[in-house]
PDB file of all heavy atoms in Angstrom:
ATOM      1  N   ASP A   1       0.813  -1.217   0.000  1.00  0.00           N
ATOM      2  CA  ASP A   1       0.000   0.000   0.000  1.00  0.00           C
ATOM      3  C   ASP A   1       0.849   1.270   0.000  1.00  0.00           C
ATOM      4  O   ASP A   1       0.321   2.376   0.088  1.00  0.00           O
ATOM      5  CB  ASP A   1      -0.929   0.021   1.224  1.00  0.00           C
ATOM      6  CG  ASP A   1      -1.983  -1.074   1.177  1.00  0.00           C
ATOM      7  OD1 ASP A   1      -2.414  -1.419   0.067  1.00  0.00           O
ATOM      8  OD2 ASP A   1      -2.368  -1.578   2.255  1.00  0.00           O
ATOM      9  N   LEU A   2       2.173   1.109  -0.088  1.00  0.00           N
ATOM     10  CA  LEU A   2       3.068   2.265  -0.080  1.00  0.00           C
ATOM     11  C   LEU A   2       2.801   3.156  -1.285  1.00  0.00           C
ATOM     12  O   LEU A   2       2.735   2.682  -2.418  1.00  0.00           O
ATOM     13  CB  LEU A   2       4.525   1.791  -0.105  1.00  0.00           C
ATOM     14  CG  LEU A   2       5.596   2.880  -0.165  1.00  0.00           C
ATOM     15  CD1 LEU A   2       5.623   3.691   1.133  1.00  0.00           C
ATOM     16  CD2 LEU A   2       6.965   2.268  -0.434  1.00  0.00           C
ATOM     17  N   VAL A   3       2.654   4.465  -1.036  1.00  0.00           N
ATOM     18  CA  VAL A   3       2.440   5.415  -2.132  1.00  0.00           C
ATOM     19  C   VAL A   3       3.530   6.474  -2.226  1.00  0.00           C
ATOM     20  O   VAL A   3       3.673   7.119  -3.261  1.00  0.00           O
ATOM     21  CB  VAL A   3       1.062   6.111  -2.017  1.00  0.00           C
ATOM     22  CG1 VAL A   3      -0.062   5.105  -2.192  1.00  0.00           C
ATOM     23  CG2 VAL A   3       0.913   6.834  -0.688  1.00  0.00           C
ATOM     24  N   LYS A   4       4.304   6.665  -1.149  1.00  0.00           N
ATOM     25  CA  LYS A   4       5.325   7.711  -1.207  1.00  0.00           C
ATOM     26  C   LYS A   4       6.337   7.535  -0.076  1.00  0.00           C
ATOM     27  O   LYS A   4       5.971   7.151   1.033  1.00  0.00           O
ATOM     28  CB  LYS A   4       4.677   9.103  -1.079  1.00  0.00           C
ATOM     29  CG  LYS A   4       5.644  10.277  -1.202  1.00  0.00           C
ATOM     30  CD  LYS A   4       6.202  10.395  -2.617  1.00  0.00           C
ATOM     31  CE  LYS A   4       7.090  11.636  -2.778  1.00  0.00           C
ATOM     32  NZ  LYS A   4       7.575  11.781  -4.159  1.00  0.00           N
ATOM     33  N   ARG A   5       7.605   7.826  -0.373  1.00  0.00           N
ATOM     34  CA  ARG A   5       8.628   7.937   0.665  1.00  0.00           C
ATOM     35  C   ARG A   5       9.289   9.305   0.543  1.00  0.00           C
ATOM     36  O   ARG A   5       9.732   9.697  -0.535  1.00  0.00           O
ATOM     37  CB  ARG A   5       9.688   6.841   0.543  1.00  0.00           C
ATOM     38  CG  ARG A   5      10.875   7.052   1.505  1.00  0.00           C
ATOM     39  CD  ARG A   5      11.791   5.852   1.549  1.00  0.00           C
ATOM     40  NE  ARG A   5      11.077   4.709   2.105  1.00  0.00           N
ATOM     41  CZ  ARG A   5      11.493   3.449   1.951  1.00  0.00           C
ATOM     42  NH1 ARG A   5      12.567   3.184   1.251  1.00  0.00           N
ATOM     43  NH2 ARG A   5      10.798   2.463   2.501  1.00  0.00           N
ATOM     44  N   ILE A   6       9.325  10.029   1.670  1.00  0.00           N
ATOM     45  CA  ILE A   6      10.030  11.314   1.731  1.00  0.00           C
ATOM     46  C   ILE A   6      11.269  11.095   2.573  1.00  0.00           C
ATOM     47  O   ILE A   6      11.185  10.730   3.745  1.00  0.00           O
ATOM     48  CB  ILE A   6       9.132  12.407   2.336  1.00  0.00           C
ATOM     49  CG1 ILE A   6       7.894  12.618   1.455  1.00  0.00           C
ATOM     50  CG2 ILE A   6       9.906  13.716   2.493  1.00  0.00           C
ATOM     51  CD1 ILE A   6       6.875  13.584   2.031  1.00  0.00           C
ATOM     52  N   ASN A   7      12.431  11.332   1.999  1.00  0.00           N
ATOM     53  CA  ASN A   7      13.683  10.978   2.654  1.00  0.00           C
ATOM     54  C   ASN A   7      14.706  12.105   2.469  1.00  0.00           C
ATOM     55  O   ASN A   7      14.902  12.573   1.353  1.00  0.00           O
ATOM     56  CB  ASN A   7      14.214   9.679   2.035  1.00  0.00           C
ATOM     57  CG  ASN A   7      15.343   9.068   2.833  1.00  0.00           C
ATOM     58  OD1 ASN A   7      15.624   9.481   3.945  1.00  0.00           O
ATOM     59  ND2 ASN A   7      15.996   8.095   2.246  1.00  0.00           N
ATOM     60  N   PRO A   8      15.379  12.579   3.531  1.00  0.00           N
ATOM     61  CA  PRO A   8      15.222  12.133   4.924  1.00  0.00           C
ATOM     62  C   PRO A   8      14.066  12.849   5.622  1.00  0.00           C
ATOM     63  O   PRO A   8      13.762  13.994   5.309  1.00  0.00           O
ATOM     64  CB  PRO A   8      16.546  12.548   5.556  1.00  0.00           C
ATOM     65  CG  PRO A   8      16.943  13.778   4.807  1.00  0.00           C
ATOM     66  CD  PRO A   8      16.458  13.557   3.386  1.00  0.00           C
ATOM     67  N   TRP A   9      13.451  12.161   6.565  1.00  0.00           N
ATOM     68  CA  TRP A   9      12.366  12.743   7.358  1.00  0.00           C
ATOM     69  C   TRP A   9      12.182  11.872   8.586  1.00  0.00           C
ATOM     70  O   TRP A   9      12.513  10.672   8.553  1.00  0.00           O
ATOM     71  CB  TRP A   9      11.075  12.816   6.557  1.00  0.00           C
ATOM     72  CG  TRP A   9      10.177  13.961   6.949  1.00  0.00           C
ATOM     73  CD1 TRP A   9       9.144  13.929   7.830  1.00  0.00           C
ATOM     74  CD2 TRP A   9      10.247  15.297   6.465  1.00  0.00           C
ATOM     75  NE1 TRP A   9       8.565  15.172   7.932  1.00  0.00           N
ATOM     76  CE2 TRP A   9       9.234  16.033   7.096  1.00  0.00           C
ATOM     77  CE3 TRP A   9      11.082  15.954   5.566  1.00  0.00           C
ATOM     78  CZ2 TRP A   9       9.010  17.380   6.860  1.00  0.00           C
ATOM     79  CZ3 TRP A   9      10.863  17.289   5.324  1.00  0.00           C
ATOM     80  CH2 TRP A   9       9.839  17.999   5.963  1.00  0.00           C
ATOM     81  N   HIS A  10      11.650  12.425   9.679  1.00  0.00           N
ATOM     82  CA  HIS A  10      11.453  11.594  10.869  1.00  0.00           C
ATOM     83  C   HIS A  10      10.359  12.180  11.772  1.00  0.00           C
ATOM     84  O   HIS A  10      10.251  13.390  11.923  1.00  0.00           O
ATOM     85  CB  HIS A  10      12.749  11.476  11.677  1.00  0.00           C
ATOM     86  CG  HIS A  10      12.663  10.423  12.754  1.00  0.00           C
ATOM     87  ND1 HIS A  10      12.761   9.079  12.484  1.00  0.00           N
ATOM     88  CD2 HIS A  10      12.457  10.520  14.090  1.00  0.00           C
ATOM     89  CE1 HIS A  10      12.629   8.386  13.612  1.00  0.00           C
ATOM     90  NE2 HIS A  10      12.437   9.241  14.599  1.00  0.00           N
ATOM     91  N   ALA A  11       9.576  11.267  12.360  1.00  0.00           N
ATOM     92  CA  ALA A  11       8.564  11.605  13.368  1.00  0.00           C
ATOM     93  C   ALA A  11       7.611  12.686  12.878  1.00  0.00           C
ATOM     94  O   ALA A  11       7.341  13.670  13.562  1.00  0.00           O
ATOM     95  CB  ALA A  11       9.228  12.031  14.664  1.00  0.00           C
ATOM     96  N   ALA A  12       7.066  12.490  11.703  1.00  0.00           N
ATOM     97  CA  ALA A  12       6.215  13.511  11.087  1.00  0.00           C
ATOM     98  C   ALA A  12       4.884  13.663  11.795  1.00  0.00           C
ATOM     99  O   ALA A  12       4.298  12.698  12.278  1.00  0.00           O
ATOM    100  CB  ALA A  12       5.978  13.182   9.623  1.00  0.00           C
ATOM    101  N   GLU A  13       4.418  14.893  11.862  1.00  0.00           N
ATOM    102  CA  GLU A  13       3.049  15.223  12.239  1.00  0.00           C
ATOM    103  C   GLU A  13       2.419  15.932  11.044  1.00  0.00           C
ATOM    104  O   GLU A  13       3.064  16.749  10.382  1.00  0.00           O
ATOM    105  CB  GLU A  13       3.018  16.155  13.446  1.00  0.00           C
ATOM    106  CG  GLU A  13       3.495  15.518  14.730  1.00  0.00           C
ATOM    107  CD  GLU A  13       2.429  14.669  15.399  1.00  0.00           C
ATOM    108  OE1 GLU A  13       1.281  15.137  15.526  1.00  0.00           O
ATOM    109  OE2 GLU A  13       2.742  13.538  15.782  1.00  0.00           O
ATOM    110  N   ILE A  14       1.172  15.620  10.760  1.00  0.00           N
ATOM    111  CA  ILE A  14       0.441  16.287   9.696  1.00  0.00           C
ATOM    112  C   ILE A  14      -0.502  17.297  10.352  1.00  0.00           C
ATOM    113  O   ILE A  14      -1.198  16.975  11.311  1.00  0.00           O
ATOM    114  CB  ILE A  14      -0.343  15.283   8.845  1.00  0.00           C
ATOM    115  CG1 ILE A  14       0.624  14.300   8.181  1.00  0.00           C
ATOM    116  CG2 ILE A  14      -1.178  16.006   7.786  1.00  0.00           C
ATOM    117  CD1 ILE A  14      -0.060  13.154   7.466  1.00  0.00           C
ATOM    118  N   VAL A  15      -0.515  18.526   9.846  1.00  0.00           N
ATOM    119  CA  VAL A  15      -1.299  19.585  10.478  1.00  0.00           C
ATOM    120  C   VAL A  15      -1.871  20.494   9.394  1.00  0.00           C
ATOM    121  O   VAL A  15      -1.262  20.667   8.327  1.00  0.00           O
ATOM    122  CB  VAL A  15      -0.422  20.382  11.485  1.00  0.00           C
ATOM    123  CG1 VAL A  15       0.753  21.036  10.795  1.00  0.00           C
ATOM    124  CG2 VAL A  15      -1.245  21.403  12.243  1.00  0.00           C
ATOM    125  N   ARG A  16      -3.067  21.064   9.661  1.00  0.00           N
ATOM    126  CA  ARG A  16      -3.672  22.028   8.744  1.00  0.00           C
ATOM    127  C   ARG A  16      -3.673  23.414   9.369  1.00  0.00           C
ATOM    128  O   ARG A  16      -3.999  23.576  10.549  1.00  0.00           O
ATOM    129  CB  ARG A  16      -5.106  21.629   8.393  1.00  0.00           C
ATOM    130  CG  ARG A  16      -5.209  20.364   7.582  1.00  0.00           C
ATOM    131  CD  ARG A  16      -6.610  20.134   7.079  1.00  0.00           C
ATOM    132  NE  ARG A  16      -6.927  20.981   5.934  1.00  0.00           N
ATOM    133  CZ  ARG A  16      -8.095  20.962   5.285  1.00  0.00           C
ATOM    134  NH1 ARG A  16      -9.055  20.159   5.717  1.00  0.00           N
ATOM    135  NH2 ARG A  16      -8.309  21.734   4.240  1.00  0.00           N
ATOM    136  N   ASP A  17      -3.345  24.395   8.557  1.00  0.00           N
ATOM    137  CA  ASP A  17      -3.343  25.777   9.017  1.00  0.00           C
ATOM    138  C   ASP A  17      -4.765  26.349   8.954  1.00  0.00           C
ATOM    139  O   ASP A  17      -5.690  25.717   8.444  1.00  0.00           O
ATOM    140  CB  ASP A  17      -2.387  26.598   8.158  1.00  0.00           C
ATOM    141  CG  ASP A  17      -1.853  27.817   8.882  1.00  0.00           C
ATOM    142  OD1 ASP A  17      -2.403  28.176   9.944  1.00  0.00           O
ATOM    143  OD2 ASP A  17      -0.880  28.426   8.395  1.00  0.00           O
ATOM    144  N   LEU A  18      -4.909  27.553   9.480  1.00  0.00           N
ATOM    145  CA  LEU A  18      -6.226  28.193   9.534  1.00  0.00           C
ATOM    146  C   LEU A  18      -6.790  28.472   8.150  1.00  0.00           C
ATOM    147  O   LEU A  18      -8.011  28.624   7.989  1.00  0.00           O
ATOM    148  CB  LEU A  18      -6.139  29.495  10.337  1.00  0.00           C
ATOM    149  CG  LEU A  18      -5.618  29.369  11.773  1.00  0.00           C
ATOM    150  CD1 LEU A  18      -5.635  30.737  12.452  1.00  0.00           C
ATOM    151  CD2 LEU A  18      -6.429  28.359  12.566  1.00  0.00           C
ATOM    152  N   ASP A  19      -5.945  28.568   7.146  1.00  0.00           N
ATOM    153  CA  ASP A  19      -6.398  28.798   5.777  1.00  0.00           C
ATOM    154  C   ASP A  19      -6.660  27.495   5.029  1.00  0.00           C
ATOM    155  O   ASP A  19      -6.952  27.503   3.831  1.00  0.00           O
ATOM    156  CB  ASP A  19      -5.392  29.653   5.008  1.00  0.00           C
ATOM    157  CG  ASP A  19      -4.007  29.013   4.943  1.00  0.00           C
ATOM    158  OD1 ASP A  19      -3.842  27.865   5.424  1.00  0.00           O
ATOM    159  OD2 ASP A  19      -3.079  29.657   4.413  1.00  0.00           O
ATOM    160  N   GLY A  20      -6.534  26.369   5.721  1.00  0.00           N
ATOM    161  CA  GLY A  20      -6.810  25.080   5.109  1.00  0.00           C
ATOM    162  C   GLY A  20      -5.618  24.387   4.494  1.00  0.00           C
ATOM    163  O   GLY A  20      -5.712  23.228   4.094  1.00  0.00           O
ATOM    164  N   LYS A  21      -4.485  25.078   4.403  1.00  0.00           N
ATOM    165  CA  LYS A  21      -3.300  24.459   3.805  1.00  0.00           C
ATOM    166  C   LYS A  21      -2.732  23.382   4.729  1.00  0.00           C
ATOM    167  O   LYS A  21      -2.849  23.473   5.942  1.00  0.00           O
ATOM    168  CB  LYS A  21      -2.236  25.526   3.520  1.00  0.00           C
ATOM    169  CG  LYS A  21      -2.639  26.512   2.428  1.00  0.00           C
ATOM    170  CD  LYS A  21      -1.549  27.538   2.176  1.00  0.00           C
ATOM    171  CE  LYS A  21      -1.956  28.518   1.075  1.00  0.00           C
ATOM    172  NZ  LYS A  21      -0.919  29.556   0.842  1.00  0.00           N
ATOM    173  N   TRP A  22      -2.114  22.380   4.108  1.00  0.00           N
ATOM    174  CA  TRP A  22      -1.566  21.250   4.838  1.00  0.00           C
ATOM    175  C   TRP A  22      -0.061  21.414   5.019  1.00  0.00           C
ATOM    176  O   TRP A  22       0.636  21.944   4.140  1.00  0.00           O
ATOM    177  CB  TRP A  22      -1.823  19.954   4.071  1.00  0.00           C
ATOM    178  CG  TRP A  22      -3.263  19.596   3.906  1.00  0.00           C
ATOM    179  CD1 TRP A  22      -4.142  20.139   3.005  1.00  0.00           C
ATOM    180  CD2 TRP A  22      -3.994  18.605   4.632  1.00  0.00           C
ATOM    181  NE1 TRP A  22      -5.374  19.554   3.132  1.00  0.00           N
ATOM    182  CE2 TRP A  22      -5.316  18.600   4.111  1.00  0.00           C
ATOM    183  CE3 TRP A  22      -3.665  17.713   5.655  1.00  0.00           C
ATOM    184  CZ2 TRP A  22      -6.300  17.740   4.594  1.00  0.00           C
ATOM    185  CZ3 TRP A  22      -4.653  16.857   6.126  1.00  0.00           C
ATOM    186  CH2 TRP A  22      -5.948  16.872   5.604  1.00  0.00           C
ATOM    187  N   TYR A  23       0.445  20.915   6.177  1.00  0.00           N
ATOM    188  CA  TYR A  23       1.880  20.953   6.442  1.00  0.00           C
ATOM    189  C   TYR A  23       2.341  19.636   7.046  1.00  0.00           C
ATOM    190  O   TYR A  23       1.573  18.919   7.699  1.00  0.00           O
ATOM    191  CB  TYR A  23       2.225  22.107   7.386  1.00  0.00           C
ATOM    192  CG  TYR A  23       2.080  23.467   6.740  1.00  0.00           C
ATOM    193  CD1 TYR A  23       0.849  24.126   6.733  1.00  0.00           C
ATOM    194  CD2 TYR A  23       3.154  24.079   6.102  1.00  0.00           C
ATOM    195  CE1 TYR A  23       0.695  25.351   6.109  1.00  0.00           C
ATOM    196  CE2 TYR A  23       3.012  25.310   5.484  1.00  0.00           C
ATOM    197  CZ  TYR A  23       1.782  25.939   5.489  1.00  0.00           C
ATOM    198  OH  TYR A  23       1.644  27.145   4.865  1.00  0.00           O
ATOM    199  N   LEU A  24       3.616  19.336   6.804  1.00  0.00           N
ATOM    200  CA  LEU A  24       4.257  18.154   7.368  1.00  0.00           C
ATOM    201  C   LEU A  24       5.402  18.630   8.251  1.00  0.00           C
ATOM    202  O   LEU A  24       6.332  19.284   7.779  1.00  0.00           O
ATOM    203  CB  LEU A  24       4.790  17.260   6.248  1.00  0.00           C
ATOM    204  CG  LEU A  24       5.296  15.878   6.663  1.00  0.00           C
ATOM    205  CD1 LEU A  24       4.140  15.001   7.123  1.00  0.00           C
ATOM    206  CD2 LEU A  24       6.030  15.199   5.498  1.00  0.00           C
ATOM    207  N   SER A  25       5.318  18.329   9.550  1.00  0.00           N
ATOM    208  CA  SER A  25       6.385  18.732  10.464  1.00  0.00           C
ATOM    209  C   SER A  25       7.331  17.564  10.692  1.00  0.00           C
ATOM    210  O   SER A  25       6.994  16.408  10.434  1.00  0.00           O
ATOM    211  CB  SER A  25       5.801  19.206  11.797  1.00  0.00           C
ATOM    212  OG  SER A  25       5.209  18.125  12.492  1.00  0.00           O
ATOM    213  N   ARG A  26       8.525  17.857  11.182  1.00  0.00           N
ATOM    214  CA  ARG A  26       9.501  16.806  11.424  1.00  0.00           C
ATOM    215  C   ARG A  26      10.354  17.157  12.626  1.00  0.00           C
ATOM    216  O   ARG A  26      10.553  18.328  12.963  1.00  0.00           O
ATOM    217  CB  ARG A  26      10.402  16.592  10.219  1.00  0.00           C
ATOM    218  CG  ARG A  26      11.257  17.792   9.852  1.00  0.00           C
ATOM    219  CD  ARG A  26      12.330  17.435   8.841  1.00  0.00           C
ATOM    220  NE  ARG A  26      13.415  16.673   9.458  1.00  0.00           N
ATOM    221  CZ  ARG A  26      14.497  16.260   8.801  1.00  0.00           C
ATOM    222  NH1 ARG A  26      14.622  16.508   7.505  1.00  0.00           N
ATOM    223  NH2 ARG A  26      15.453  15.609   9.418  1.00  0.00           N
ATOM    224  N   SER A  27      10.859  16.108  13.270  1.00  0.00           N
ATOM    225  CA  SER A  27      11.833  16.320  14.327  1.00  0.00           C
ATOM    226  C   SER A  27      13.213  16.392  13.702  1.00  0.00           C
ATOM    227  O   SER A  27      13.424  16.015  12.555  1.00  0.00           O
ATOM    228  CB  SER A  27      11.779  15.177  15.336  1.00  0.00           C
ATOM    229  OG  SER A  27      12.136  13.960  14.712  1.00  0.00           O
ATOM    230  N   SER A  28      14.164  16.869  14.472  1.00  0.00           N
ATOM    231  CA  SER A  28      15.447  17.221  13.903  1.00  0.00           C
ATOM    232  C   SER A  28      16.335  16.048  13.571  1.00  0.00           C
ATOM    233  O   SER A  28      17.024  16.039  12.573  1.00  0.00           O
ATOM    234  CB  SER A  28      16.189  18.137  14.865  1.00  0.00           C
ATOM    235  OG  SER A  28      16.458  17.430  16.072  1.00  0.00           O
TER     236      SER A  28
END
């Protein structure tokens, strides 16, 4: 079921802003 790998990345959180845009956060 894999559709995408983003590398390098770690411990992502998915969040939406007040304008509806999507963001992907990461730890260092």
